[in-house]
Every structure is written in C-alpha cells, then in structure tokens.
N, C-alpha and C. Protein backbone atom coordinates (compact mmCIF):
# COMPACT_ATOMS: atom_id res chain seq x y z
N UNK A 1 -61.37 44.57 -23.21
CA UNK A 1 -60.51 43.89 -22.27
C UNK A 1 -60.54 42.37 -22.49
N UNK A 2 -61.68 41.89 -22.93
CA UNK A 2 -61.76 40.46 -23.23
C UNK A 2 -60.85 40.08 -24.39
N UNK A 3 -60.65 41.03 -25.31
CA UNK A 3 -59.74 40.79 -26.42
C UNK A 3 -58.32 40.60 -25.89
N UNK A 4 -57.91 41.45 -24.95
CA UNK A 4 -56.58 41.31 -24.35
C UNK A 4 -56.46 39.99 -23.60
N UNK A 5 -57.52 39.60 -22.91
CA UNK A 5 -57.51 38.33 -22.19
C UNK A 5 -57.36 37.17 -23.18
N UNK A 6 -58.07 37.25 -24.32
CA UNK A 6 -57.96 36.21 -25.33
C UNK A 6 -56.54 36.17 -25.90
N UNK A 7 -55.95 37.33 -26.12
CA UNK A 7 -54.57 37.38 -26.61
C UNK A 7 -53.60 36.79 -25.58
N UNK A 8 -53.87 37.05 -24.31
CA UNK A 8 -53.04 36.47 -23.25
C UNK A 8 -53.15 34.95 -23.25
N UNK A 9 -54.34 34.44 -23.47
CA UNK A 9 -54.53 32.99 -23.51
C UNK A 9 -53.77 32.40 -24.70
N UNK A 10 -53.85 33.07 -25.85
CA UNK A 10 -53.11 32.60 -27.03
C UNK A 10 -51.61 32.64 -26.72
N UNK A 11 -51.14 33.71 -26.08
CA UNK A 11 -49.73 33.83 -25.70
C UNK A 11 -49.32 32.74 -24.73
N UNK A 12 -50.19 32.43 -23.78
CA UNK A 12 -49.91 31.36 -22.81
C UNK A 12 -49.75 30.02 -23.51
N UNK A 13 -50.64 29.74 -24.44
CA UNK A 13 -50.56 28.46 -25.16
C UNK A 13 -49.27 28.40 -25.97
N UNK A 14 -48.93 29.49 -26.67
CA UNK A 14 -47.70 29.52 -27.46
C UNK A 14 -46.48 29.36 -26.57
N UNK A 15 -46.46 30.05 -25.44
CA UNK A 15 -45.35 29.95 -24.50
C UNK A 15 -45.23 28.53 -23.95
N UNK A 16 -46.37 27.93 -23.62
CA UNK A 16 -46.36 26.56 -23.09
C UNK A 16 -45.82 25.58 -24.13
N UNK A 17 -46.28 25.72 -25.39
CA UNK A 17 -45.82 24.80 -26.44
C UNK A 17 -44.32 24.94 -26.68
N UNK A 18 -43.83 26.17 -26.72
CA UNK A 18 -42.39 26.39 -26.91
C UNK A 18 -41.60 25.86 -25.72
N UNK A 19 -42.12 26.11 -24.54
CA UNK A 19 -41.45 25.68 -23.32
C UNK A 19 -41.42 24.15 -23.22
N UNK A 20 -42.54 23.51 -23.56
CA UNK A 20 -42.59 22.05 -23.47
C UNK A 20 -41.72 21.40 -24.54
N UNK A 21 -41.49 22.09 -25.66
CA UNK A 21 -40.57 21.59 -26.69
C UNK A 21 -39.15 21.57 -26.15
N UNK A 22 -38.81 22.58 -25.36
CA UNK A 22 -37.46 22.69 -24.82
C UNK A 22 -37.25 21.79 -23.60
N UNK A 23 -38.21 21.78 -22.70
CA UNK A 23 -38.06 21.04 -21.43
C UNK A 23 -38.43 19.58 -21.65
N UNK A 24 -37.50 18.86 -22.26
CA UNK A 24 -37.65 17.43 -22.52
C UNK A 24 -36.41 16.72 -22.03
N UNK A 25 -36.56 15.45 -21.80
CA UNK A 25 -35.46 14.65 -21.26
C UNK A 25 -34.23 14.68 -22.16
N UNK A 26 -34.42 14.68 -23.48
CA UNK A 26 -33.27 14.67 -24.39
C UNK A 26 -32.52 16.00 -24.41
N UNK A 27 -33.13 17.06 -23.89
CA UNK A 27 -32.47 18.37 -23.81
C UNK A 27 -31.92 18.66 -22.41
N UNK A 28 -31.97 17.67 -21.55
CA UNK A 28 -31.58 17.84 -20.14
C UNK A 28 -30.10 17.48 -19.96
N UNK A 29 -29.35 18.41 -19.38
CA UNK A 29 -27.93 18.20 -19.15
C UNK A 29 -27.58 18.60 -17.73
N UNK A 30 -26.63 17.88 -17.15
CA UNK A 30 -26.09 18.27 -15.86
C UNK A 30 -24.81 19.03 -16.13
N UNK A 31 -24.77 20.27 -15.67
CA UNK A 31 -23.62 21.12 -15.93
C UNK A 31 -22.92 21.45 -14.62
N UNK A 32 -21.63 21.71 -14.71
CA UNK A 32 -20.83 22.05 -13.55
C UNK A 32 -20.29 23.47 -13.71
N UNK A 33 -20.29 24.21 -12.62
CA UNK A 33 -19.71 25.56 -12.63
C UNK A 33 -18.20 25.40 -12.66
N UNK A 34 -17.57 25.94 -13.72
CA UNK A 34 -16.12 25.81 -13.85
C UNK A 34 -15.39 27.09 -13.44
N UNK A 35 -16.09 28.22 -13.51
CA UNK A 35 -15.51 29.47 -13.01
C UNK A 35 -16.62 30.49 -12.83
N UNK A 36 -16.31 31.51 -12.08
CA UNK A 36 -17.26 32.59 -11.81
C UNK A 36 -16.65 33.89 -12.33
N UNK A 37 -17.41 34.59 -13.16
CA UNK A 37 -16.96 35.90 -13.64
C UNK A 37 -17.70 36.95 -12.83
N UNK A 38 -16.94 37.82 -12.17
CA UNK A 38 -17.54 38.80 -11.26
C UNK A 38 -17.60 40.17 -11.90
N UNK A 39 -18.69 40.89 -11.58
CA UNK A 39 -18.90 42.24 -12.04
C UNK A 39 -19.59 43.01 -10.91
N UNK A 40 -18.83 43.79 -10.18
CA UNK A 40 -19.31 44.54 -9.01
C UNK A 40 -19.98 43.60 -8.01
N UNK A 41 -21.30 43.71 -7.81
CA UNK A 41 -21.99 42.88 -6.82
C UNK A 41 -22.56 41.60 -7.42
N UNK A 42 -22.58 41.48 -8.71
CA UNK A 42 -23.19 40.33 -9.38
C UNK A 42 -22.13 39.37 -9.90
N UNK A 43 -22.54 38.12 -10.07
CA UNK A 43 -21.65 37.09 -10.60
C UNK A 43 -22.33 36.36 -11.76
N UNK A 44 -21.56 36.00 -12.74
CA UNK A 44 -22.05 35.20 -13.87
C UNK A 44 -21.28 33.89 -13.90
N UNK A 45 -21.94 32.78 -13.55
CA UNK A 45 -21.24 31.50 -13.57
C UNK A 45 -21.03 31.01 -15.01
N UNK A 46 -19.93 30.33 -15.21
CA UNK A 46 -19.65 29.68 -16.50
C UNK A 46 -19.78 28.18 -16.25
N UNK A 47 -20.64 27.54 -17.06
CA UNK A 47 -20.94 26.13 -16.89
C UNK A 47 -20.25 25.30 -17.97
N UNK A 48 -20.03 24.04 -17.64
CA UNK A 48 -19.48 23.09 -18.60
C UNK A 48 -20.33 21.83 -18.52
N UNK A 49 -20.68 21.31 -19.70
CA UNK A 49 -21.47 20.07 -19.74
C UNK A 49 -21.04 19.22 -20.92
N UNK A 50 -21.37 17.95 -20.85
CA UNK A 50 -21.03 17.00 -21.91
C UNK A 50 -22.21 16.86 -22.86
N UNK A 51 -21.96 17.06 -24.16
CA UNK A 51 -22.97 16.84 -25.18
C UNK A 51 -22.40 15.79 -26.12
N UNK A 52 -22.80 14.54 -25.87
CA UNK A 52 -22.20 13.42 -26.59
C UNK A 52 -20.77 13.24 -26.11
N UNK A 53 -19.83 13.34 -27.03
CA UNK A 53 -18.41 13.22 -26.66
C UNK A 53 -17.73 14.59 -26.56
N UNK A 54 -18.51 15.65 -26.74
CA UNK A 54 -17.97 17.01 -26.73
C UNK A 54 -18.24 17.69 -25.40
N UNK A 55 -17.23 18.37 -24.89
CA UNK A 55 -17.42 19.20 -23.69
C UNK A 55 -17.75 20.61 -24.16
N UNK A 56 -18.87 21.12 -23.67
CA UNK A 56 -19.35 22.44 -24.09
C UNK A 56 -19.30 23.38 -22.89
N UNK A 57 -18.80 24.60 -23.15
CA UNK A 57 -18.76 25.63 -22.11
C UNK A 57 -19.87 26.63 -22.40
N UNK A 58 -20.60 26.99 -21.37
CA UNK A 58 -21.75 27.88 -21.52
C UNK A 58 -21.69 28.97 -20.46
N UNK A 59 -21.73 30.23 -20.91
CA UNK A 59 -21.78 31.35 -19.97
C UNK A 59 -23.17 31.95 -20.06
N UNK A 60 -23.84 31.95 -18.95
CA UNK A 60 -25.19 32.50 -18.92
C UNK A 60 -25.14 34.01 -19.04
N UNK A 61 -26.15 34.57 -19.66
CA UNK A 61 -26.22 36.02 -19.78
C UNK A 61 -26.82 36.64 -18.51
N UNK A 62 -27.33 35.79 -17.63
CA UNK A 62 -27.90 36.27 -16.38
C UNK A 62 -26.82 36.47 -15.33
N UNK A 63 -27.07 37.43 -14.48
CA UNK A 63 -26.19 37.65 -13.33
C UNK A 63 -26.92 37.19 -12.07
N UNK A 64 -26.16 36.69 -11.13
CA UNK A 64 -26.71 36.21 -9.88
C UNK A 64 -26.07 36.95 -8.72
N UNK A 65 -26.75 36.99 -7.59
CA UNK A 65 -26.19 37.57 -6.39
C UNK A 65 -24.94 36.80 -6.01
N UNK A 66 -23.95 37.53 -5.52
CA UNK A 66 -22.69 36.89 -5.12
C UNK A 66 -22.96 35.75 -4.14
N UNK A 67 -22.32 34.62 -4.38
CA UNK A 67 -22.46 33.46 -3.50
C UNK A 67 -23.55 32.49 -3.90
N UNK A 68 -24.31 32.80 -4.96
CA UNK A 68 -25.37 31.89 -5.39
C UNK A 68 -24.78 30.59 -5.91
N UNK A 69 -23.73 30.70 -6.72
CA UNK A 69 -23.05 29.53 -7.27
C UNK A 69 -21.58 29.55 -6.88
N UNK A 70 -21.01 28.36 -6.74
CA UNK A 70 -19.60 28.20 -6.44
C UNK A 70 -18.99 27.25 -7.45
N UNK A 71 -17.70 27.38 -7.70
CA UNK A 71 -17.01 26.47 -8.61
C UNK A 71 -17.19 25.04 -8.09
N UNK A 72 -17.59 24.15 -8.98
CA UNK A 72 -17.84 22.76 -8.60
C UNK A 72 -19.31 22.43 -8.40
N UNK A 73 -20.17 23.46 -8.23
CA UNK A 73 -21.61 23.22 -8.11
C UNK A 73 -22.14 22.62 -9.40
N UNK A 74 -23.13 21.75 -9.28
CA UNK A 74 -23.78 21.20 -10.47
C UNK A 74 -25.22 21.68 -10.53
N UNK A 75 -25.69 21.91 -11.73
CA UNK A 75 -27.07 22.32 -11.96
C UNK A 75 -27.62 21.53 -13.14
N UNK A 76 -28.92 21.40 -13.17
CA UNK A 76 -29.58 20.74 -14.30
C UNK A 76 -30.11 21.84 -15.22
N UNK A 77 -29.75 21.74 -16.49
CA UNK A 77 -30.16 22.72 -17.50
C UNK A 77 -30.90 22.02 -18.62
N UNK A 78 -31.87 22.71 -19.20
CA UNK A 78 -32.50 22.28 -20.43
C UNK A 78 -31.99 23.21 -21.52
N UNK A 79 -31.29 22.66 -22.50
CA UNK A 79 -30.63 23.46 -23.52
C UNK A 79 -31.23 23.16 -24.87
N UNK A 80 -31.65 24.22 -25.55
CA UNK A 80 -32.25 24.10 -26.88
C UNK A 80 -31.19 23.57 -27.85
N UNK A 81 -31.45 22.44 -28.52
CA UNK A 81 -30.45 21.89 -29.44
C UNK A 81 -30.22 22.77 -30.67
N UNK A 82 -31.21 23.59 -31.01
CA UNK A 82 -31.08 24.47 -32.19
C UNK A 82 -30.43 25.80 -31.85
N UNK A 83 -30.54 26.22 -30.60
CA UNK A 83 -30.00 27.51 -30.19
C UNK A 83 -29.45 27.36 -28.77
N UNK A 84 -28.15 27.11 -28.66
CA UNK A 84 -27.53 26.82 -27.36
C UNK A 84 -27.69 27.93 -26.33
N UNK A 85 -27.99 29.15 -26.77
CA UNK A 85 -28.14 30.25 -25.81
C UNK A 85 -29.53 30.24 -25.16
N UNK A 86 -30.44 29.42 -25.67
CA UNK A 86 -31.77 29.30 -25.09
C UNK A 86 -31.73 28.20 -24.03
N UNK A 87 -31.62 28.61 -22.78
CA UNK A 87 -31.42 27.68 -21.66
C UNK A 87 -32.46 27.93 -20.58
N UNK A 88 -32.99 26.84 -20.03
CA UNK A 88 -33.90 26.92 -18.89
C UNK A 88 -33.25 26.14 -17.75
N UNK A 89 -33.06 26.81 -16.62
CA UNK A 89 -32.55 26.14 -15.43
C UNK A 89 -33.68 25.29 -14.86
N UNK A 90 -33.36 24.14 -14.34
CA UNK A 90 -34.37 23.25 -13.78
C UNK A 90 -34.71 23.70 -12.35
N UNK A 91 -35.33 24.87 -12.28
CA UNK A 91 -35.78 25.42 -11.00
C UNK A 91 -37.25 25.80 -11.14
N UNK A 92 -37.93 25.92 -10.03
CA UNK A 92 -39.34 26.30 -10.06
C UNK A 92 -39.52 27.65 -10.75
N UNK A 93 -38.69 28.62 -10.41
CA UNK A 93 -38.87 29.96 -10.97
C UNK A 93 -38.64 29.97 -12.48
N UNK A 94 -37.65 29.26 -12.97
CA UNK A 94 -37.39 29.23 -14.42
C UNK A 94 -38.47 28.47 -15.17
N UNK A 95 -38.96 27.41 -14.58
CA UNK A 95 -39.91 26.56 -15.30
C UNK A 95 -41.36 27.01 -15.18
N UNK A 96 -41.76 27.57 -14.05
CA UNK A 96 -43.18 27.80 -13.82
C UNK A 96 -43.59 29.20 -13.44
N UNK A 97 -42.71 30.02 -12.90
CA UNK A 97 -43.11 31.32 -12.38
C UNK A 97 -43.70 32.23 -13.46
N UNK A 98 -43.10 32.24 -14.64
CA UNK A 98 -43.65 33.05 -15.73
C UNK A 98 -45.06 32.65 -16.10
N UNK A 99 -45.30 31.33 -16.15
CA UNK A 99 -46.65 30.84 -16.44
C UNK A 99 -47.64 31.30 -15.38
N UNK A 100 -47.24 31.18 -14.12
CA UNK A 100 -48.14 31.56 -13.04
C UNK A 100 -48.49 33.04 -13.09
N UNK A 101 -47.52 33.90 -13.38
CA UNK A 101 -47.80 35.33 -13.51
C UNK A 101 -48.73 35.59 -14.69
N UNK A 102 -48.50 34.93 -15.82
CA UNK A 102 -49.37 35.15 -16.98
C UNK A 102 -50.79 34.63 -16.72
N UNK A 103 -50.90 33.51 -16.04
CA UNK A 103 -52.23 32.99 -15.71
C UNK A 103 -52.96 33.95 -14.78
N UNK A 104 -52.26 34.45 -13.78
CA UNK A 104 -52.87 35.40 -12.84
C UNK A 104 -53.29 36.68 -13.56
N UNK A 105 -52.44 37.19 -14.45
CA UNK A 105 -52.76 38.40 -15.20
C UNK A 105 -53.97 38.17 -16.11
N UNK A 106 -54.01 37.03 -16.79
CA UNK A 106 -55.14 36.71 -17.67
C UNK A 106 -56.43 36.57 -16.87
N UNK A 107 -56.36 35.90 -15.73
CA UNK A 107 -57.53 35.74 -14.88
C UNK A 107 -58.03 37.10 -14.39
N UNK A 108 -57.10 37.99 -14.06
CA UNK A 108 -57.49 39.33 -13.61
C UNK A 108 -58.19 40.08 -14.75
N UNK A 109 -57.67 39.98 -15.97
CA UNK A 109 -58.31 40.64 -17.11
C UNK A 109 -59.71 40.11 -17.36
N UNK A 110 -59.86 38.80 -17.28
CA UNK A 110 -61.19 38.21 -17.49
C UNK A 110 -62.15 38.66 -16.40
N UNK A 111 -61.69 38.65 -15.14
CA UNK A 111 -62.52 39.08 -14.02
C UNK A 111 -62.95 40.54 -14.18
N UNK A 112 -61.99 41.41 -14.53
CA UNK A 112 -62.32 42.82 -14.71
C UNK A 112 -63.26 43.03 -15.89
N UNK A 113 -63.09 42.24 -16.94
CA UNK A 113 -63.99 42.34 -18.09
C UNK A 113 -65.42 42.00 -17.71
N UNK A 114 -65.58 40.94 -16.93
CA UNK A 114 -66.93 40.57 -16.51
C UNK A 114 -67.52 41.61 -15.56
N UNK A 115 -66.70 42.21 -14.72
CA UNK A 115 -67.19 43.28 -13.85
C UNK A 115 -67.67 44.48 -14.68
N UNK A 116 -66.89 44.83 -15.69
CA UNK A 116 -67.28 45.94 -16.56
C UNK A 116 -68.54 45.61 -17.34
N UNK A 117 -68.65 44.40 -17.85
CA UNK A 117 -69.86 44.01 -18.57
C UNK A 117 -71.08 43.99 -17.66
N UNK A 118 -70.90 43.53 -16.46
CA UNK A 118 -72.01 43.49 -15.48
C UNK A 118 -72.48 44.89 -15.15
N UNK A 119 -71.52 45.83 -15.05
CA UNK A 119 -71.87 47.22 -14.73
C UNK A 119 -72.61 47.90 -15.86
N UNK A 120 -72.47 47.45 -17.09
CA UNK A 120 -73.16 48.07 -18.24
C UNK A 120 -74.60 47.58 -18.39
N UNK A 121 -74.91 46.47 -17.81
CA UNK A 121 -76.27 45.92 -17.96
C UNK A 121 -77.27 46.76 -17.18
N UNK A 122 -78.41 46.96 -17.78
CA UNK A 122 -79.50 47.64 -17.10
C UNK A 122 -80.71 46.70 -17.09
N UNK A 123 -81.38 46.64 -15.96
CA UNK A 123 -82.53 45.75 -15.83
C UNK A 123 -83.78 46.53 -15.73
C-alpha cells in the first residue's frame, strides 16, 4: 500500500507541475459566452476570447446544468497555448478540487499502510 501511496505522490507532483505550467498569467483570458448549445437538460456554452488580434471561439466539451451560464456572461479561462482544448476555468473546483481529493486519498493510503504495519509488529 505504501507503494501506491508513493505513486500517488509522484502523480500529485506531476499533476501540480503540469497544472502550474498552464495556470499562468500569460495563459489567462477573459472569455464571453456568445451562445448556448442545449442538449436535453444540459447546456454547453460557447465562449469567445481575444488572443492577440484574433478572436477565438471555444466550445467546451463539458455540459453544465441549465441556467449556469447565460449569453453575455464573462469567465476567466486558462488556455494551453499548445493545445487550445486544454482549458481550466478559474474556479475553485477546476483549480484545486482534484488536488484536494488526491491529497486526501494519498493521506488515507499512508494512514492505512501504517495501521497495517503496526498490526504486523509483535513485541
């Protein structure tokens, strides 16, 4: 189990390094919702942002609950310059929730490993 915990720590570091490469000021754009594409109960907003002198349209692959976004709403996005489909919304859940879950999972693995090791000791 400690091996899995070590792998989780390595994964956390790799995820953090990749995430911090993307979440930088030069990759930060303010985008506006230009239209909403609806599919049953979910909606997919289409965003537009300025990259230099070019206007770029971006449709997220994520669906949101109806009413989450409206035409004219603005959001802050971090967009990977090498891969425009790699986008992080500037929200707590997009930026930190995954890290918190991985940290909690890794801590649980380490805790369980020590409990198992303690149970194997004989005095």
